[in-house]
């Protein structure tokens, strides 16, 4: 493990304290920027999928309302009217 970190240790040994801290801050900032970019990319794709699902549900509601109004589902229409307490005339 020491062999893995030996080049970084040698570079940091040659730098002054302000440069050491600056380099560490730069590395941490770069890593944070990469991670935030990945998070925003994933969120953007999830938002697109959710918007498509919402659009599909709105179309389904519109289609169901049209079927309800045209009497395409007469049995279901009777069930809903009876459930809502609307008296049915035969």
N, C-alpha and C. Protein backbone atom coordinates (compact mmCIF):
# COMPACT_ATOMS: atom_id res chain seq x y z
N UNK A 1 0.82 -1.19 0.00
CA UNK A 1 0.00 0.00 0.00
C UNK A 1 0.87 1.25 0.00
N UNK A 2 1.97 1.16 0.72
CA UNK A 2 2.87 2.31 0.77
C UNK A 2 3.45 2.59 -0.61
N UNK A 3 3.68 1.55 -1.37
CA UNK A 3 4.22 1.70 -2.71
C UNK A 3 3.24 2.44 -3.62
N UNK A 4 1.96 2.27 -3.37
CA UNK A 4 0.94 2.93 -4.17
C UNK A 4 0.93 4.44 -3.93
N UNK A 5 1.10 4.84 -2.70
CA UNK A 5 1.04 6.27 -2.34
C UNK A 5 2.41 6.97 -2.39
N UNK A 6 3.46 6.25 -2.67
CA UNK A 6 4.80 6.83 -2.64
C UNK A 6 4.97 8.00 -3.62
N UNK A 7 4.47 7.94 -4.86
CA UNK A 7 4.62 9.11 -5.75
C UNK A 7 3.89 10.34 -5.22
N UNK A 8 2.72 10.16 -4.67
CA UNK A 8 1.98 11.31 -4.13
C UNK A 8 2.70 11.89 -2.92
N UNK A 9 3.26 11.04 -2.11
CA UNK A 9 3.99 11.51 -0.92
C UNK A 9 5.22 12.32 -1.35
N UNK A 10 5.91 11.86 -2.36
CA UNK A 10 7.10 12.59 -2.82
C UNK A 10 6.73 13.95 -3.41
N UNK A 11 5.62 14.00 -4.16
CA UNK A 11 5.19 15.29 -4.73
C UNK A 11 4.80 16.24 -3.61
N UNK A 12 4.06 15.76 -2.63
CA UNK A 12 3.62 16.63 -1.53
C UNK A 12 4.79 17.05 -0.64
N UNK A 13 5.81 16.23 -0.53
CA UNK A 13 6.98 16.61 0.26
C UNK A 13 7.72 17.79 -0.35
N UNK A 14 7.68 17.94 -1.66
CA UNK A 14 8.39 19.03 -2.33
C UNK A 14 7.62 20.35 -2.29
N UNK A 15 6.34 20.31 -2.00
CA UNK A 15 5.51 21.52 -2.03
C UNK A 15 5.44 22.18 -0.67
N UNK A 16 5.21 23.49 -0.68
CA UNK A 16 5.00 24.22 0.58
C UNK A 16 3.57 23.96 1.07
N UNK A 17 3.27 24.35 2.30
CA UNK A 17 1.96 24.10 2.87
C UNK A 17 0.82 24.74 2.07
N UNK A 18 0.91 26.00 1.65
CA UNK A 18 -0.20 26.56 0.86
C UNK A 18 -0.43 25.79 -0.44
N UNK A 19 0.64 25.37 -1.10
CA UNK A 19 0.48 24.61 -2.33
C UNK A 19 -0.09 23.21 -2.06
N UNK A 20 0.31 22.60 -0.95
CA UNK A 20 -0.24 21.29 -0.59
C UNK A 20 -1.76 21.38 -0.40
N UNK A 21 -2.18 22.36 0.39
CA UNK A 21 -3.61 22.51 0.64
C UNK A 21 -4.36 22.89 -0.63
N UNK A 22 -3.73 23.72 -1.46
CA UNK A 22 -4.36 24.08 -2.73
C UNK A 22 -4.55 22.88 -3.64
N UNK A 23 -3.54 22.01 -3.70
CA UNK A 23 -3.63 20.81 -4.52
C UNK A 23 -4.70 19.85 -3.98
N UNK A 24 -4.75 19.70 -2.67
CA UNK A 24 -5.77 18.82 -2.07
C UNK A 24 -7.17 19.38 -2.33
N UNK A 25 -7.33 20.68 -2.19
CA UNK A 25 -8.64 21.30 -2.46
C UNK A 25 -9.01 21.14 -3.93
N UNK A 26 -8.05 21.28 -4.82
CA UNK A 26 -8.30 21.12 -6.26
C UNK A 26 -8.76 19.69 -6.59
N UNK A 27 -8.11 18.72 -6.00
CA UNK A 27 -8.49 17.32 -6.24
C UNK A 27 -9.89 17.03 -5.69
N UNK A 28 -10.17 17.52 -4.50
CA UNK A 28 -11.50 17.31 -3.91
C UNK A 28 -12.58 18.02 -4.71
N UNK A 29 -12.30 19.22 -5.19
CA UNK A 29 -13.27 19.96 -6.00
C UNK A 29 -13.54 19.24 -7.32
N UNK A 30 -12.50 18.72 -7.95
CA UNK A 30 -12.67 17.99 -9.21
C UNK A 30 -13.52 16.73 -8.99
N UNK A 31 -13.25 16.01 -7.92
CA UNK A 31 -14.03 14.80 -7.63
C UNK A 31 -15.49 15.15 -7.34
N UNK A 32 -15.71 16.21 -6.60
CA UNK A 32 -17.08 16.64 -6.30
C UNK A 32 -17.81 17.07 -7.57
N UNK A 33 -17.12 17.77 -8.45
CA UNK A 33 -17.75 18.21 -9.70
C UNK A 33 -18.14 17.02 -10.57
N UNK A 34 -17.29 16.03 -10.63
CA UNK A 34 -17.61 14.83 -11.41
C UNK A 34 -18.81 14.11 -10.84
N UNK A 35 -18.84 13.94 -9.52
CA UNK A 35 -19.97 13.25 -8.89
C UNK A 35 -21.27 14.03 -9.05
N UNK A 36 -21.22 15.35 -8.90
CA UNK A 36 -22.43 16.16 -9.07
C UNK A 36 -22.94 16.11 -10.51
N UNK A 37 -22.02 16.07 -11.46
CA UNK A 37 -22.42 15.96 -12.86
C UNK A 37 -23.15 14.64 -13.10
N UNK A 38 -22.65 13.56 -12.54
CA UNK A 38 -23.32 12.27 -12.68
C UNK A 38 -24.70 12.27 -12.02
N UNK A 39 -24.81 12.88 -10.86
CA UNK A 39 -26.09 12.95 -10.16
C UNK A 39 -27.10 13.74 -10.97
N UNK A 40 -26.69 14.90 -11.48
CA UNK A 40 -27.62 15.73 -12.26
C UNK A 40 -28.03 15.03 -13.56
N UNK A 41 -27.10 14.32 -14.19
CA UNK A 41 -27.44 13.58 -15.41
C UNK A 41 -28.46 12.50 -15.12
N UNK A 42 -28.27 11.75 -14.05
CA UNK A 42 -29.23 10.70 -13.69
C UNK A 42 -30.59 11.30 -13.32
N UNK A 43 -30.59 12.39 -12.59
CA UNK A 43 -31.85 13.02 -12.21
C UNK A 43 -32.59 13.54 -13.43
N UNK A 44 -31.87 14.12 -14.37
CA UNK A 44 -32.49 14.64 -15.59
C UNK A 44 -33.15 13.51 -16.37
N UNK A 45 -32.49 12.36 -16.47
CA UNK A 45 -33.09 11.24 -17.20
C UNK A 45 -34.31 10.70 -16.45
N UNK A 46 -34.27 10.66 -15.13
CA UNK A 46 -35.43 10.21 -14.36
C UNK A 46 -36.59 11.20 -14.49
N UNK A 47 -36.30 12.48 -14.56
CA UNK A 47 -37.35 13.48 -14.73
C UNK A 47 -38.02 13.32 -16.09
N UNK A 48 -37.23 13.03 -17.13
CA UNK A 48 -37.81 12.81 -18.47
C UNK A 48 -38.76 11.61 -18.45
N UNK A 49 -38.33 10.53 -17.82
CA UNK A 49 -39.18 9.33 -17.75
C UNK A 49 -40.46 9.64 -16.99
N UNK A 50 -40.35 10.37 -15.90
CA UNK A 50 -41.53 10.71 -15.10
C UNK A 50 -42.48 11.62 -15.89
N UNK A 51 -41.93 12.56 -16.65
CA UNK A 51 -42.78 13.42 -17.47
C UNK A 51 -43.52 12.62 -18.54
N UNK A 52 -42.86 11.63 -19.11
CA UNK A 52 -43.52 10.78 -20.09
C UNK A 52 -44.62 9.94 -19.44
N UNK A 53 -44.37 9.46 -18.24
CA UNK A 53 -45.40 8.70 -17.52
C UNK A 53 -46.61 9.58 -17.21
N UNK A 54 -46.36 10.80 -16.80
CA UNK A 54 -47.46 11.72 -16.49
C UNK A 54 -48.26 12.02 -17.75
N UNK A 55 -47.56 12.25 -18.88
CA UNK A 55 -48.25 12.50 -20.14
C UNK A 55 -49.10 11.31 -20.54
N UNK A 56 -48.59 10.11 -20.34
CA UNK A 56 -49.36 8.90 -20.65
C UNK A 56 -50.58 8.77 -19.77
N UNK A 57 -50.45 9.09 -18.49
CA UNK A 57 -51.60 9.02 -17.59
C UNK A 57 -52.65 10.06 -17.95
N UNK A 58 -52.22 11.24 -18.39
CA UNK A 58 -53.17 12.27 -18.81
C UNK A 58 -53.93 11.81 -20.06
N UNK A 59 -53.23 11.17 -20.99
CA UNK A 59 -53.91 10.63 -22.17
C UNK A 59 -54.88 9.52 -21.78
N UNK A 60 -54.47 8.69 -20.84
CA UNK A 60 -55.36 7.62 -20.37
C UNK A 60 -56.61 8.21 -19.73
N UNK A 61 -56.44 9.25 -18.92
CA UNK A 61 -57.60 9.89 -18.30
C UNK A 61 -58.53 10.49 -19.35
N UNK A 62 -57.95 11.13 -20.36
CA UNK A 62 -58.78 11.72 -21.42
C UNK A 62 -59.51 10.62 -22.19
N UNK A 63 -58.84 9.54 -22.48
CA UNK A 63 -59.48 8.43 -23.19
C UNK A 63 -60.56 7.77 -22.35
N UNK A 64 -60.29 7.63 -21.07
CA UNK A 64 -61.29 7.03 -20.19
C UNK A 64 -62.51 7.94 -20.06
N UNK A 65 -62.27 9.24 -19.98
CA UNK A 65 -63.39 10.18 -19.89
C UNK A 65 -64.22 10.14 -21.17
N UNK A 66 -63.56 10.04 -22.30
CA UNK A 66 -64.30 9.96 -23.56
C UNK A 66 -65.10 8.67 -23.63
N UNK A 67 -64.51 7.56 -23.21
CA UNK A 67 -65.23 6.29 -23.20
C UNK A 67 -66.40 6.35 -22.22
N UNK A 68 -66.20 7.01 -21.12
CA UNK A 68 -67.26 7.13 -20.11
C UNK A 68 -68.42 7.96 -20.66
N UNK A 69 -68.08 9.06 -21.32
CA UNK A 69 -69.13 9.94 -21.84
C UNK A 69 -69.87 9.33 -23.02
N UNK A 70 -69.22 8.55 -23.82
CA UNK A 70 -69.88 7.95 -24.98
C UNK A 70 -70.62 6.67 -24.63
N UNK A 71 -70.47 6.21 -23.43
CA UNK A 71 -71.17 5.00 -23.03
C UNK A 71 -70.52 3.74 -23.53
N UNK A 72 -69.23 3.81 -23.79
CA UNK A 72 -68.50 2.65 -24.27
C UNK A 72 -68.48 1.55 -23.22
N UNK A 73 -68.51 1.94 -21.97
CA UNK A 73 -68.51 0.98 -20.87
C UNK A 73 -69.82 1.10 -20.10
N UNK A 74 -70.92 0.62 -20.64
CA UNK A 74 -72.21 0.86 -19.98
C UNK A 74 -72.30 0.20 -18.61
N UNK A 75 -71.76 -0.98 -18.45
CA UNK A 75 -71.81 -1.64 -17.15
C UNK A 75 -71.04 -0.88 -16.09
N UNK A 76 -69.88 -0.40 -16.47
CA UNK A 76 -69.06 0.36 -15.54
C UNK A 76 -69.70 1.70 -15.23
N UNK A 77 -70.36 2.30 -16.22
CA UNK A 77 -71.05 3.57 -16.01
C UNK A 77 -72.16 3.40 -14.99
N UNK A 78 -72.91 2.32 -15.10
CA UNK A 78 -73.98 2.04 -14.14
C UNK A 78 -73.39 1.84 -12.75
N UNK A 79 -72.28 1.12 -12.66
CA UNK A 79 -71.63 0.91 -11.37
C UNK A 79 -71.20 2.23 -10.74
N UNK A 80 -70.58 3.11 -11.54
CA UNK A 80 -70.15 4.40 -10.99
C UNK A 80 -71.33 5.25 -10.55
N UNK A 81 -72.36 5.28 -11.36
CA UNK A 81 -73.52 6.09 -10.99
C UNK A 81 -74.16 5.56 -9.72
N UNK A 82 -74.25 4.24 -9.60
CA UNK A 82 -74.82 3.66 -8.39
C UNK A 82 -73.91 3.92 -7.18
N UNK A 83 -72.63 3.88 -7.39
CA UNK A 83 -71.69 4.12 -6.30
C UNK A 83 -71.77 5.57 -5.82
N UNK A 84 -71.97 6.50 -6.74
CA UNK A 84 -72.04 7.91 -6.39
C UNK A 84 -73.41 8.30 -5.82
N UNK A 85 -74.32 7.36 -5.81
CA UNK A 85 -75.64 7.63 -5.23
C UNK A 85 -76.61 8.30 -6.18
N UNK A 86 -76.34 8.24 -7.47
CA UNK A 86 -77.23 8.85 -8.46
C UNK A 86 -78.29 7.81 -8.82
N UNK A 87 -79.55 8.14 -8.65
CA UNK A 87 -80.60 7.14 -8.95
C UNK A 87 -80.67 6.85 -10.44
N UNK A 88 -80.87 5.60 -10.77
CA UNK A 88 -80.93 5.19 -12.15
C UNK A 88 -82.40 5.01 -12.56
N UNK A 89 -82.78 5.54 -13.69
CA UNK A 89 -84.14 5.36 -14.20
C UNK A 89 -84.11 4.32 -15.29
N UNK A 90 -84.97 3.38 -15.18
CA UNK A 90 -85.02 2.31 -16.16
C UNK A 90 -86.26 2.46 -17.01
